[in-house]
Amino acid sequence: VLLAKSKSNNAGWIVITAAWAFAVFVGVVVAGPISGAHLNPAVTVGLAVNGSTPWDQVVVYLAGEFVGAMIGATLVLIHYWDHFKVTEDQGLKLAVFSTGPNIRNYALNFVSEVIGTFVLVFVVLCFGTNGSADGVNIAKSGMAALGALPVALLVFSIGMSLGGTTGYAINPARDLSPRVIHAILPVPGKGGSDWGYSWIPVVGPMVGAAI
């Protein structure tokens, strides 16, 4: 959507949010039967705080999530290499890898990520309790409690309603790992990796998930 001469160039926000939602769908389908398909360090931490995921498994989950996102970002760079070469705007190139706010206000950007991730984890927990949010009968289940489609629709909803401020990382691995790849690999004509903002899409989702 952002890169020059891509057939989806300028297709807009709905295409981005829909593609991201169904990417989550694919991830849950693949990883759900094996691990519960957290896909997201914030979800892992939220489920650990909740008691659904043992704390001794958290490091293994986080390693898989961060490394997996780095591999994914590398594949995106290879796949769209020629389009990176013909795209002049360095900010658009960075935006393929990581999120950034349209209005830079660190306090409110942080709050946006907290709210978006809170909604994600809270509703996932409600999926696991058939809609009960009383905090008593929360199921010991992962992100795939009701299958992949409800989670995909939830991510789509968050993107459409809450994502317009920061680009809705709601996932530290989704932002930090590709940002690292942007920094260390030879992305054609790249600029800086905006490390000054990088803590917000990491810390904000962790706080929102824990809440």
N, C-alpha and C. Protein backbone atom coordinates (compact mmCIF):
# COMPACT_ATOMS: atom_id res chain seq x y z
N VAL A 1 0.83 -1.20 0.00
CA VAL A 1 0.00 0.00 0.00
C VAL A 1 0.87 1.26 0.00
N LEU A 2 2.02 1.21 0.62
CA LEU A 2 2.88 2.39 0.77
C LEU A 2 3.98 2.49 -0.27
N LEU A 3 4.36 1.39 -0.88
CA LEU A 3 5.52 1.38 -1.76
C LEU A 3 5.15 1.66 -3.20
N ALA A 4 5.99 2.42 -3.87
CA ALA A 4 5.74 2.83 -5.26
C ALA A 4 5.69 1.61 -6.18
N LYS A 5 4.81 1.71 -7.17
CA LYS A 5 4.64 0.73 -8.23
C LYS A 5 4.12 -0.63 -7.77
N SER A 6 3.75 -0.73 -6.48
CA SER A 6 2.99 -1.91 -6.05
C SER A 6 1.58 -1.78 -6.59
N LYS A 7 0.97 -2.88 -6.98
CA LYS A 7 -0.39 -2.81 -7.50
C LYS A 7 -1.39 -2.34 -6.44
N SER A 8 -1.03 -2.46 -5.17
CA SER A 8 -1.91 -1.99 -4.10
C SER A 8 -1.53 -0.60 -3.61
N ASN A 9 -0.62 0.09 -4.30
CA ASN A 9 -0.19 1.41 -3.86
C ASN A 9 -1.37 2.35 -3.70
N ASN A 10 -1.42 3.03 -2.56
CA ASN A 10 -2.48 3.99 -2.23
C ASN A 10 -3.86 3.35 -2.08
N ALA A 11 -3.90 2.04 -1.78
CA ALA A 11 -5.19 1.38 -1.62
C ALA A 11 -5.90 1.78 -0.33
N GLY A 12 -5.16 2.29 0.64
CA GLY A 12 -5.80 2.90 1.80
C GLY A 12 -5.81 2.06 3.07
N TRP A 13 -6.35 2.68 4.11
CA TRP A 13 -6.32 2.14 5.46
C TRP A 13 -7.10 0.85 5.59
N ILE A 14 -8.23 0.74 4.90
CA ILE A 14 -9.04 -0.48 5.02
C ILE A 14 -8.25 -1.69 4.52
N VAL A 15 -7.51 -1.54 3.45
CA VAL A 15 -6.70 -2.64 2.95
C VAL A 15 -5.63 -3.03 3.98
N ILE A 16 -5.00 -2.04 4.59
CA ILE A 16 -3.97 -2.33 5.59
C ILE A 16 -4.58 -3.07 6.78
N THR A 17 -5.68 -2.58 7.31
CA THR A 17 -6.27 -3.20 8.50
C THR A 17 -6.83 -4.57 8.18
N ALA A 18 -7.42 -4.74 7.00
CA ALA A 18 -7.97 -6.05 6.63
C ALA A 18 -6.85 -7.07 6.43
N ALA A 19 -5.78 -6.66 5.75
CA ALA A 19 -4.67 -7.58 5.52
C ALA A 19 -4.02 -7.98 6.84
N TRP A 20 -3.86 -7.03 7.75
CA TRP A 20 -3.28 -7.33 9.05
C TRP A 20 -4.17 -8.29 9.83
N ALA A 21 -5.49 -8.06 9.79
CA ALA A 21 -6.42 -8.93 10.51
C ALA A 21 -6.35 -10.36 9.99
N PHE A 22 -6.33 -10.52 8.68
CA PHE A 22 -6.32 -11.87 8.13
C PHE A 22 -4.94 -12.50 8.21
N ALA A 23 -3.89 -11.68 8.34
CA ALA A 23 -2.58 -12.24 8.66
C ALA A 23 -2.60 -12.86 10.05
N VAL A 24 -3.27 -12.19 10.99
CA VAL A 24 -3.45 -12.77 12.32
C VAL A 24 -4.25 -14.07 12.23
N PHE A 25 -5.29 -14.07 11.40
CA PHE A 25 -6.08 -15.27 11.17
C PHE A 25 -5.18 -16.44 10.76
N VAL A 26 -4.31 -16.18 9.79
CA VAL A 26 -3.40 -17.23 9.30
C VAL A 26 -2.47 -17.71 10.42
N GLY A 27 -1.93 -16.76 11.18
CA GLY A 27 -1.04 -17.14 12.26
C GLY A 27 -1.72 -17.99 13.32
N VAL A 28 -2.96 -17.66 13.65
CA VAL A 28 -3.70 -18.43 14.65
C VAL A 28 -4.02 -19.82 14.12
N VAL A 29 -4.39 -19.92 12.84
CA VAL A 29 -4.67 -21.23 12.25
C VAL A 29 -3.44 -22.13 12.34
N VAL A 30 -2.27 -21.57 12.04
CA VAL A 30 -1.04 -22.37 12.01
C VAL A 30 -0.57 -22.71 13.42
N ALA A 31 -0.50 -21.71 14.29
CA ALA A 31 0.13 -21.91 15.60
C ALA A 31 -0.85 -22.27 16.71
N GLY A 32 -2.13 -22.05 16.48
CA GLY A 32 -3.12 -22.31 17.52
C GLY A 32 -3.06 -23.70 18.11
N PRO A 33 -3.08 -24.75 17.27
CA PRO A 33 -3.06 -26.10 17.83
C PRO A 33 -1.78 -26.46 18.56
N ILE A 34 -0.69 -25.72 18.29
CA ILE A 34 0.61 -26.05 18.87
C ILE A 34 0.84 -25.28 20.17
N SER A 35 0.58 -23.99 20.14
CA SER A 35 1.00 -23.13 21.26
C SER A 35 -0.11 -22.26 21.83
N GLY A 36 -1.30 -22.27 21.23
CA GLY A 36 -2.32 -21.31 21.62
C GLY A 36 -2.25 -20.03 20.81
N ALA A 37 -1.20 -19.89 20.01
CA ALA A 37 -1.08 -18.78 19.05
C ALA A 37 -1.18 -17.41 19.70
N HIS A 38 -0.32 -17.16 20.67
CA HIS A 38 -0.27 -15.80 21.23
C HIS A 38 0.14 -14.80 20.14
N LEU A 39 1.21 -15.09 19.41
CA LEU A 39 1.74 -14.27 18.32
C LEU A 39 2.26 -12.91 18.78
N ASN A 40 2.16 -12.61 20.05
CA ASN A 40 2.27 -11.23 20.53
C ASN A 40 2.81 -11.25 21.96
N PRO A 41 3.98 -10.66 22.21
CA PRO A 41 4.52 -10.64 23.57
C PRO A 41 3.57 -10.02 24.60
N ALA A 42 2.79 -9.03 24.19
CA ALA A 42 1.85 -8.42 25.13
C ALA A 42 0.77 -9.41 25.53
N VAL A 43 0.28 -10.19 24.57
CA VAL A 43 -0.71 -11.21 24.89
C VAL A 43 -0.11 -12.25 25.83
N THR A 44 1.13 -12.65 25.57
CA THR A 44 1.80 -13.61 26.44
C THR A 44 1.89 -13.08 27.87
N VAL A 45 2.31 -11.82 28.01
CA VAL A 45 2.42 -11.23 29.34
C VAL A 45 1.05 -11.09 29.99
N GLY A 46 0.05 -10.66 29.22
CA GLY A 46 -1.30 -10.54 29.77
C GLY A 46 -1.85 -11.87 30.27
N LEU A 47 -1.63 -12.93 29.51
CA LEU A 47 -2.10 -14.25 29.91
C LEU A 47 -1.29 -14.81 31.07
N ALA A 48 -0.03 -14.40 31.19
CA ALA A 48 0.77 -14.80 32.35
C ALA A 48 0.27 -14.10 33.61
N VAL A 49 -0.02 -12.80 33.49
CA VAL A 49 -0.57 -12.05 34.63
C VAL A 49 -1.90 -12.66 35.06
N ASN A 50 -2.68 -13.08 34.07
CA ASN A 50 -3.99 -13.69 34.32
C ASN A 50 -3.88 -15.09 34.92
N GLY A 51 -2.73 -15.72 34.76
CA GLY A 51 -2.55 -17.08 35.26
C GLY A 51 -2.77 -18.15 34.22
N SER A 52 -3.06 -17.75 32.96
CA SER A 52 -3.34 -18.73 31.92
C SER A 52 -2.07 -19.33 31.33
N THR A 53 -0.96 -18.57 31.35
CA THR A 53 0.31 -19.04 30.83
C THR A 53 1.33 -19.07 31.96
N PRO A 54 1.98 -20.21 32.21
CA PRO A 54 3.00 -20.27 33.27
C PRO A 54 4.15 -19.31 32.99
N TRP A 55 4.62 -18.63 34.01
CA TRP A 55 5.68 -17.65 33.83
C TRP A 55 6.96 -18.28 33.30
N ASP A 56 7.19 -19.56 33.59
CA ASP A 56 8.41 -20.18 33.10
C ASP A 56 8.37 -20.44 31.59
N GLN A 57 7.21 -20.27 30.97
CA GLN A 57 7.11 -20.41 29.52
C GLN A 57 7.20 -19.07 28.79
N VAL A 58 7.15 -17.97 29.53
CA VAL A 58 7.07 -16.65 28.91
C VAL A 58 8.29 -16.35 28.05
N VAL A 59 9.48 -16.67 28.54
CA VAL A 59 10.70 -16.36 27.78
C VAL A 59 10.71 -17.11 26.45
N VAL A 60 10.26 -18.36 26.45
CA VAL A 60 10.23 -19.13 25.21
C VAL A 60 9.24 -18.52 24.22
N TYR A 61 8.07 -18.14 24.71
CA TYR A 61 7.09 -17.48 23.85
C TYR A 61 7.66 -16.19 23.26
N LEU A 62 8.27 -15.37 24.12
CA LEU A 62 8.80 -14.08 23.65
C LEU A 62 9.88 -14.29 22.60
N ALA A 63 10.74 -15.27 22.81
CA ALA A 63 11.81 -15.53 21.83
C ALA A 63 11.20 -15.90 20.48
N GLY A 64 10.22 -16.78 20.49
CA GLY A 64 9.58 -17.17 19.23
C GLY A 64 8.90 -16.01 18.55
N GLU A 65 8.24 -15.15 19.34
CA GLU A 65 7.50 -14.01 18.76
C GLU A 65 8.45 -12.99 18.15
N PHE A 66 9.49 -12.63 18.87
CA PHE A 66 10.42 -11.61 18.36
C PHE A 66 11.24 -12.13 17.18
N VAL A 67 11.74 -13.35 17.28
CA VAL A 67 12.52 -13.91 16.17
C VAL A 67 11.63 -14.12 14.95
N GLY A 68 10.41 -14.62 15.17
CA GLY A 68 9.49 -14.82 14.05
C GLY A 68 9.19 -13.53 13.31
N ALA A 69 9.01 -12.45 14.06
CA ALA A 69 8.74 -11.15 13.43
C ALA A 69 9.94 -10.64 12.66
N MET A 70 11.14 -10.94 13.12
CA MET A 70 12.34 -10.54 12.38
C MET A 70 12.45 -11.30 11.07
N ILE A 71 12.14 -12.58 11.11
CA ILE A 71 12.15 -13.38 9.87
C ILE A 71 11.10 -12.84 8.90
N GLY A 72 9.91 -12.55 9.42
CA GLY A 72 8.85 -12.02 8.56
C GLY A 72 9.24 -10.71 7.91
N ALA A 73 9.87 -9.81 8.68
CA ALA A 73 10.29 -8.52 8.13
C ALA A 73 11.36 -8.70 7.06
N THR A 74 12.23 -9.67 7.26
CA THR A 74 13.27 -9.94 6.26
C THR A 74 12.64 -10.43 4.95
N LEU A 75 11.64 -11.29 5.07
CA LEU A 75 10.96 -11.78 3.88
C LEU A 75 10.22 -10.66 3.15
N VAL A 76 9.64 -9.73 3.90
CA VAL A 76 8.98 -8.58 3.27
C VAL A 76 9.99 -7.75 2.49
N LEU A 77 11.16 -7.53 3.07
CA LEU A 77 12.20 -6.77 2.38
C LEU A 77 12.61 -7.45 1.08
N ILE A 78 12.81 -8.75 1.11
CA ILE A 78 13.18 -9.49 -0.10
C ILE A 78 12.06 -9.43 -1.13
N HIS A 79 10.84 -9.67 -0.68
CA HIS A 79 9.70 -9.75 -1.60
C HIS A 79 9.47 -8.43 -2.33
N TYR A 80 9.62 -7.31 -1.61
CA TYR A 80 9.33 -5.99 -2.18
C TYR A 80 10.60 -5.21 -2.51
N TRP A 81 11.72 -5.89 -2.69
CA TRP A 81 13.01 -5.22 -2.87
C TRP A 81 12.96 -4.15 -3.96
N ASP A 82 12.45 -4.49 -5.14
CA ASP A 82 12.42 -3.53 -6.24
C ASP A 82 11.53 -2.34 -5.93
N HIS A 83 10.50 -2.56 -5.14
CA HIS A 83 9.58 -1.46 -4.79
C HIS A 83 10.21 -0.54 -3.74
N PHE A 84 11.01 -1.10 -2.86
CA PHE A 84 11.78 -0.23 -1.95
C PHE A 84 12.75 0.64 -2.76
N LYS A 85 13.33 0.08 -3.80
CA LYS A 85 14.30 0.82 -4.60
C LYS A 85 13.67 2.01 -5.31
N VAL A 86 12.42 1.89 -5.75
CA VAL A 86 11.80 2.98 -6.52
C VAL A 86 10.94 3.90 -5.66
N THR A 87 10.83 3.61 -4.37
CA THR A 87 10.11 4.50 -3.45
C THR A 87 11.09 5.53 -2.90
N GLU A 88 10.78 6.80 -3.06
CA GLU A 88 11.70 7.87 -2.64
C GLU A 88 11.53 8.26 -1.18
N ASP A 89 10.32 8.20 -0.65
CA ASP A 89 10.03 8.69 0.69
C ASP A 89 10.58 7.72 1.74
N GLN A 90 11.57 8.17 2.51
CA GLN A 90 12.18 7.31 3.52
C GLN A 90 11.20 6.96 4.64
N GLY A 91 10.28 7.89 4.94
CA GLY A 91 9.29 7.63 5.97
C GLY A 91 8.33 6.50 5.60
N LEU A 92 7.96 6.44 4.32
CA LEU A 92 7.09 5.36 3.86
C LEU A 92 7.81 4.02 3.95
N LYS A 93 9.08 4.01 3.65
CA LYS A 93 9.85 2.76 3.77
C LYS A 93 9.88 2.29 5.22
N LEU A 94 10.13 3.21 6.15
CA LEU A 94 10.14 2.83 7.56
C LEU A 94 8.76 2.33 7.99
N ALA A 95 7.71 2.95 7.47
CA ALA A 95 6.35 2.58 7.87
C ALA A 95 5.97 1.18 7.43
N VAL A 96 6.67 0.61 6.45
CA VAL A 96 6.45 -0.79 6.10
C VAL A 96 6.90 -1.68 7.26
N PHE A 97 7.92 -1.24 7.98
CA PHE A 97 8.51 -2.06 9.04
C PHE A 97 7.92 -1.76 10.42
N SER A 98 7.64 -0.52 10.72
CA SER A 98 7.27 -0.17 12.08
C SER A 98 6.18 0.89 12.09
N THR A 99 5.58 1.05 13.24
CA THR A 99 4.49 2.02 13.38
C THR A 99 5.04 3.39 13.72
N GLY A 100 4.18 4.38 13.63
CA GLY A 100 4.53 5.75 14.00
C GLY A 100 3.27 6.58 14.08
N PRO A 101 3.26 7.59 14.92
CA PRO A 101 2.05 8.40 15.09
C PRO A 101 1.91 9.45 14.00
N ASN A 102 0.69 9.79 13.65
CA ASN A 102 0.47 10.91 12.74
C ASN A 102 0.62 12.24 13.45
N ILE A 103 0.28 12.28 14.74
CA ILE A 103 0.56 13.44 15.58
C ILE A 103 1.45 12.96 16.72
N ARG A 104 2.67 13.45 16.79
CA ARG A 104 3.65 12.95 17.77
C ARG A 104 3.41 13.62 19.11
N ASN A 105 2.78 12.89 20.00
CA ASN A 105 2.56 13.30 21.38
C ASN A 105 2.78 12.05 22.21
N TYR A 106 3.98 11.91 22.76
CA TYR A 106 4.37 10.64 23.36
C TYR A 106 3.39 10.16 24.43
N ALA A 107 2.87 11.07 25.24
CA ALA A 107 1.95 10.67 26.30
C ALA A 107 0.67 10.08 25.71
N LEU A 108 0.07 10.78 24.74
CA LEU A 108 -1.17 10.29 24.16
C LEU A 108 -0.93 9.11 23.23
N ASN A 109 0.22 9.08 22.55
CA ASN A 109 0.56 7.91 21.74
C ASN A 109 0.66 6.67 22.62
N PHE A 110 1.28 6.83 23.79
CA PHE A 110 1.38 5.73 24.75
C PHE A 110 0.00 5.27 25.19
N VAL A 111 -0.87 6.22 25.50
CA VAL A 111 -2.23 5.87 25.93
C VAL A 111 -2.98 5.14 24.82
N SER A 112 -2.78 5.55 23.57
CA SER A 112 -3.44 4.87 22.46
C SER A 112 -3.04 3.39 22.39
N GLU A 113 -1.75 3.13 22.56
CA GLU A 113 -1.28 1.75 22.53
C GLU A 113 -1.79 0.95 23.73
N VAL A 114 -1.87 1.59 24.89
CA VAL A 114 -2.42 0.92 26.08
C VAL A 114 -3.88 0.54 25.83
N ILE A 115 -4.67 1.49 25.34
CA ILE A 115 -6.09 1.22 25.13
C ILE A 115 -6.29 0.12 24.09
N GLY A 116 -5.61 0.22 22.96
CA GLY A 116 -5.79 -0.78 21.91
C GLY A 116 -5.43 -2.18 22.37
N THR A 117 -4.34 -2.30 23.12
CA THR A 117 -3.91 -3.62 23.57
C THR A 117 -4.79 -4.13 24.69
N PHE A 118 -5.26 -3.23 25.56
CA PHE A 118 -6.23 -3.65 26.58
C PHE A 118 -7.46 -4.26 25.93
N VAL A 119 -7.98 -3.61 24.89
CA VAL A 119 -9.16 -4.14 24.21
C VAL A 119 -8.85 -5.53 23.63
N LEU A 120 -7.69 -5.67 23.02
CA LEU A 120 -7.31 -6.96 22.44
C LEU A 120 -7.33 -8.07 23.48
N VAL A 121 -6.61 -7.88 24.58
CA VAL A 121 -6.47 -8.96 25.56
C VAL A 121 -7.77 -9.16 26.34
N PHE A 122 -8.45 -8.09 26.67
CA PHE A 122 -9.72 -8.20 27.42
C PHE A 122 -10.75 -9.01 26.63
N VAL A 123 -10.87 -8.71 25.35
CA VAL A 123 -11.87 -9.41 24.54
C VAL A 123 -11.44 -10.85 24.27
N VAL A 124 -10.14 -11.09 24.09
CA VAL A 124 -9.67 -12.48 23.95
C VAL A 124 -10.03 -13.29 25.19
N LEU A 125 -9.87 -12.69 26.36
CA LEU A 125 -10.26 -13.39 27.58
C LEU A 125 -11.76 -13.62 27.64
N CYS A 126 -12.53 -12.67 27.14
CA CYS A 126 -13.98 -12.86 27.09
C CYS A 126 -14.35 -13.98 26.11
N PHE A 127 -13.60 -14.10 25.01
CA PHE A 127 -13.82 -15.24 24.11
C PHE A 127 -13.72 -16.55 24.90
N GLY A 128 -12.73 -16.62 25.78
CA GLY A 128 -12.47 -17.84 26.51
C GLY A 128 -13.45 -18.12 27.62
N THR A 129 -14.34 -17.17 27.93
CA THR A 129 -15.34 -17.37 28.98
C THR A 129 -16.75 -17.22 28.44
N ASN A 130 -16.90 -17.41 27.13
CA ASN A 130 -18.22 -17.26 26.50
C ASN A 130 -18.86 -15.92 26.82
N GLY A 131 -18.04 -14.89 26.88
CA GLY A 131 -18.55 -13.55 27.08
C GLY A 131 -18.58 -13.09 28.52
N SER A 132 -18.26 -13.98 29.48
CA SER A 132 -18.26 -13.59 30.88
C SER A 132 -16.99 -12.84 31.21
N ALA A 133 -17.12 -11.66 31.76
CA ALA A 133 -15.95 -10.87 32.14
C ALA A 133 -15.95 -10.63 33.64
N ASP A 134 -16.52 -11.58 34.42
CA ASP A 134 -16.63 -11.34 35.85
C ASP A 134 -15.34 -11.60 36.61
N GLY A 135 -14.31 -12.09 35.90
CA GLY A 135 -13.03 -12.32 36.53
C GLY A 135 -12.99 -13.56 37.39
N VAL A 136 -14.04 -14.36 37.39
CA VAL A 136 -14.11 -15.55 38.24
C VAL A 136 -13.84 -16.82 37.45
N ASN A 137 -14.46 -16.91 36.28
CA ASN A 137 -14.40 -18.16 35.52
C ASN A 137 -13.61 -18.02 34.23
N ILE A 138 -12.52 -17.27 34.28
CA ILE A 138 -11.72 -17.06 33.09
C ILE A 138 -11.03 -18.37 32.71
N ALA A 139 -11.24 -18.77 31.48
CA ALA A 139 -10.72 -20.06 31.02
C ALA A 139 -9.20 -20.01 30.88
N LYS A 140 -8.58 -21.15 31.10
CA LYS A 140 -7.13 -21.26 30.92
C LYS A 140 -6.86 -21.57 29.45
N SER A 141 -7.03 -20.58 28.61
CA SER A 141 -6.92 -20.82 27.18
C SER A 141 -6.09 -19.74 26.53
N GLY A 142 -5.56 -20.05 25.37
CA GLY A 142 -4.75 -19.11 24.62
C GLY A 142 -5.60 -18.30 23.66
N MET A 143 -4.92 -17.69 22.71
CA MET A 143 -5.57 -16.76 21.82
C MET A 143 -6.56 -17.45 20.88
N ALA A 144 -6.42 -18.76 20.70
CA ALA A 144 -7.26 -19.48 19.76
C ALA A 144 -8.45 -20.11 20.44
N ALA A 145 -8.94 -19.51 21.53
CA ALA A 145 -9.99 -20.13 22.33
C ALA A 145 -11.21 -20.49 21.50
N LEU A 146 -11.62 -19.63 20.62
CA LEU A 146 -12.80 -19.89 19.79
C LEU A 146 -12.43 -20.02 18.32
N GLY A 147 -11.19 -20.28 18.03
CA GLY A 147 -10.79 -20.36 16.64
C GLY A 147 -10.23 -19.04 16.14
N ALA A 148 -9.79 -19.05 14.89
CA ALA A 148 -9.04 -17.92 14.36
C ALA A 148 -9.91 -16.74 13.95
N LEU A 149 -11.12 -16.99 13.46
CA LEU A 149 -11.91 -15.90 12.89
C LEU A 149 -12.31 -14.83 13.90
N PRO A 150 -12.77 -15.19 15.10
CA PRO A 150 -13.12 -14.12 16.06
C PRO A 150 -11.93 -13.22 16.38
N VAL A 151 -10.75 -13.80 16.49
CA VAL A 151 -9.56 -12.99 16.79
C VAL A 151 -9.25 -12.05 15.63
N ALA A 152 -9.37 -12.56 14.41
CA ALA A 152 -9.13 -11.71 13.24
C ALA A 152 -10.12 -10.55 13.19
N LEU A 153 -11.38 -10.81 13.48
CA LEU A 153 -12.38 -9.75 13.47
C LEU A 153 -12.11 -8.73 14.57
N LEU A 154 -11.62 -9.20 15.71
CA LEU A 154 -11.26 -8.30 16.80
C LEU A 154 -10.12 -7.38 16.38
N VAL A 155 -9.06 -7.93 15.77
CA VAL A 155 -7.93 -7.13 15.33
C VAL A 155 -8.36 -6.13 14.25
N PHE A 156 -9.25 -6.56 13.36
CA PHE A 156 -9.79 -5.67 12.33
C PHE A 156 -10.54 -4.51 12.98
N SER A 157 -11.35 -4.82 13.98
CA SER A 157 -12.13 -3.79 14.67
C SER A 157 -11.22 -2.79 15.38
N ILE A 158 -10.18 -3.28 16.04
CA ILE A 158 -9.25 -2.39 16.74
C ILE A 158 -8.55 -1.47 15.73
N GLY A 159 -8.11 -2.04 14.62
CA GLY A 159 -7.44 -1.24 13.61
C GLY A 159 -8.32 -0.15 13.04
N MET A 160 -9.57 -0.49 12.75
CA MET A 160 -10.48 0.47 12.13
C MET A 160 -10.90 1.57 13.11
N SER A 161 -11.05 1.22 14.39
CA SER A 161 -11.60 2.19 15.34
C SER A 161 -10.54 2.92 16.15
N LEU A 162 -9.44 2.24 16.49
CA LEU A 162 -8.44 2.81 17.38
C LEU A 162 -7.08 3.00 16.73
N GLY A 163 -6.90 2.49 15.51
CA GLY A 163 -5.57 2.46 14.92
C GLY A 163 -5.12 3.73 14.24
N GLY A 164 -6.01 4.70 14.07
CA GLY A 164 -5.69 5.88 13.29
C GLY A 164 -4.73 6.84 13.94
N THR A 165 -4.44 6.65 15.22
CA THR A 165 -3.54 7.57 15.92
C THR A 165 -2.08 7.16 15.74
N THR A 166 -1.77 5.92 16.06
CA THR A 166 -0.37 5.46 16.08
C THR A 166 -0.06 4.39 15.05
N GLY A 167 -1.08 3.91 14.34
CA GLY A 167 -0.86 2.76 13.47
C GLY A 167 -1.00 1.44 14.20
N TYR A 168 -1.44 1.51 15.44
CA TYR A 168 -1.80 0.38 16.31
C TYR A 168 -0.85 -0.81 16.24
N ALA A 169 0.30 -0.65 16.89
CA ALA A 169 1.19 -1.81 17.03
C ALA A 169 0.47 -2.91 17.80
N ILE A 170 -0.05 -2.57 18.96
CA ILE A 170 -0.69 -3.50 19.92
C ILE A 170 0.09 -4.81 20.04
N ASN A 171 1.36 -4.77 19.70
CA ASN A 171 2.19 -5.97 19.66
C ASN A 171 3.66 -5.52 19.60
N PRO A 172 4.41 -5.69 20.69
CA PRO A 172 5.81 -5.25 20.68
C PRO A 172 6.66 -5.91 19.60
N ALA A 173 6.41 -7.20 19.33
CA ALA A 173 7.21 -7.90 18.31
C ALA A 173 6.90 -7.38 16.92
N ARG A 174 5.65 -7.00 16.68
CA ARG A 174 5.26 -6.50 15.38
C ARG A 174 6.00 -5.20 15.04
N ASP A 175 6.39 -4.45 16.07
CA ASP A 175 7.06 -3.17 15.84
C ASP A 175 8.57 -3.24 16.03
N LEU A 176 9.01 -3.78 17.15
CA LEU A 176 10.45 -3.74 17.47
C LEU A 176 11.27 -4.62 16.52
N SER A 177 10.82 -5.84 16.27
CA SER A 177 11.61 -6.74 15.43
C SER A 177 11.79 -6.21 14.01
N PRO A 178 10.73 -5.78 13.33
CA PRO A 178 10.94 -5.19 12.00
C PRO A 178 11.76 -3.90 12.04
N ARG A 179 11.64 -3.14 13.11
CA ARG A 179 12.44 -1.91 13.23
C ARG A 179 13.93 -2.27 13.29
N VAL A 180 14.25 -3.34 14.01
CA VAL A 180 15.64 -3.80 14.06
C VAL A 180 16.11 -4.22 12.67
N ILE A 181 15.26 -4.94 11.93
CA ILE A 181 15.62 -5.37 10.58
C ILE A 181 15.84 -4.15 9.69
N HIS A 182 14.98 -3.14 9.81
CA HIS A 182 15.16 -1.89 9.05
C HIS A 182 16.51 -1.27 9.36
N ALA A 183 16.92 -1.34 10.62
CA ALA A 183 18.17 -0.71 11.04
C ALA A 183 19.41 -1.47 10.57
N ILE A 184 19.34 -2.80 10.57
CA ILE A 184 20.57 -3.57 10.34
C ILE A 184 20.72 -4.09 8.91
N LEU A 185 19.63 -4.17 8.15
CA LEU A 185 19.74 -4.67 6.79
C LEU A 185 19.77 -3.51 5.79
N PRO A 186 20.30 -3.73 4.61
CA PRO A 186 20.49 -2.64 3.64
C PRO A 186 19.21 -2.32 2.86
N VAL A 187 18.22 -1.77 3.56
CA VAL A 187 17.00 -1.33 2.88
C VAL A 187 17.38 -0.21 1.91
N PRO A 188 17.05 -0.34 0.64
CA PRO A 188 17.48 0.68 -0.35
C PRO A 188 16.99 2.08 0.01
N GLY A 189 17.92 3.02 0.11
CA GLY A 189 17.57 4.41 0.32
C GLY A 189 16.89 4.72 1.63
N LYS A 190 17.14 3.92 2.65
CA LYS A 190 16.44 4.12 3.92
C LYS A 190 16.98 5.32 4.67
N GLY A 191 16.16 5.82 5.60
CA GLY A 191 16.59 6.85 6.54
C GLY A 191 16.77 6.24 7.91
N GLY A 192 16.55 7.03 8.94
CA GLY A 192 16.67 6.56 10.31
C GLY A 192 15.54 5.64 10.70
N SER A 193 15.72 4.93 11.82
CA SER A 193 14.73 3.95 12.28
C SER A 193 13.85 4.49 13.41
N ASP A 194 13.96 5.78 13.71
CA ASP A 194 13.10 6.46 14.70
C ASP A 194 13.12 5.76 16.06
N TRP A 195 14.32 5.57 16.59
CA TRP A 195 14.44 4.89 17.87
C TRP A 195 13.87 5.70 19.02
N GLY A 196 13.75 7.01 18.84
CA GLY A 196 13.15 7.83 19.91
C GLY A 196 11.72 7.47 20.22
N TYR A 197 11.00 6.99 19.22
CA TYR A 197 9.60 6.59 19.41
C TYR A 197 9.47 5.11 19.76
N SER A 198 10.50 4.33 19.55
CA SER A 198 10.38 2.87 19.52
C SER A 198 9.92 2.25 20.84
N TRP A 199 10.10 2.95 21.96
CA TRP A 199 9.69 2.37 23.24
C TRP A 199 8.18 2.34 23.40
N ILE A 200 7.48 3.24 22.74
CA ILE A 200 6.03 3.34 22.94
C ILE A 200 5.30 2.10 22.46
N PRO A 201 5.56 1.59 21.24
CA PRO A 201 4.87 0.38 20.81
C PRO A 201 5.38 -0.90 21.47
N VAL A 202 6.33 -0.78 22.39
CA VAL A 202 6.77 -1.92 23.18
C VAL A 202 6.16 -1.84 24.59
N VAL A 203 6.38 -0.73 25.25
CA VAL A 203 5.93 -0.59 26.64
C VAL A 203 4.42 -0.41 26.72
N GLY A 204 3.84 0.40 25.81
CA GLY A 204 2.39 0.63 25.83
C GLY A 204 1.60 -0.66 25.74
N PRO A 205 1.86 -1.53 24.76
CA PRO A 205 1.12 -2.79 24.70
C PRO A 205 1.33 -3.69 25.92
N MET A 206 2.53 -3.71 26.47
CA MET A 206 2.76 -4.53 27.66
C MET A 206 1.91 -4.05 28.83
N VAL A 207 1.83 -2.72 29.00
CA VAL A 207 1.02 -2.16 30.09
C VAL A 207 -0.47 -2.44 29.82
N GLY A 208 -0.93 -2.22 28.60
CA GLY A 208 -2.33 -2.46 28.28
C GLY A 208 -2.73 -3.91 28.49
N ALA A 209 -1.86 -4.83 28.12
CA ALA A 209 -2.15 -6.25 28.29
C ALA A 209 -2.20 -6.65 29.76
N ALA A 210 -1.27 -6.09 30.54
CA ALA A 210 -1.26 -6.41 31.97
C ALA A 210 -2.50 -5.88 32.67
N ILE A 211 -2.94 -4.69 32.27
CA ILE A 211 -4.16 -4.12 32.85
C ILE A 211 -5.35 -5.01 32.54
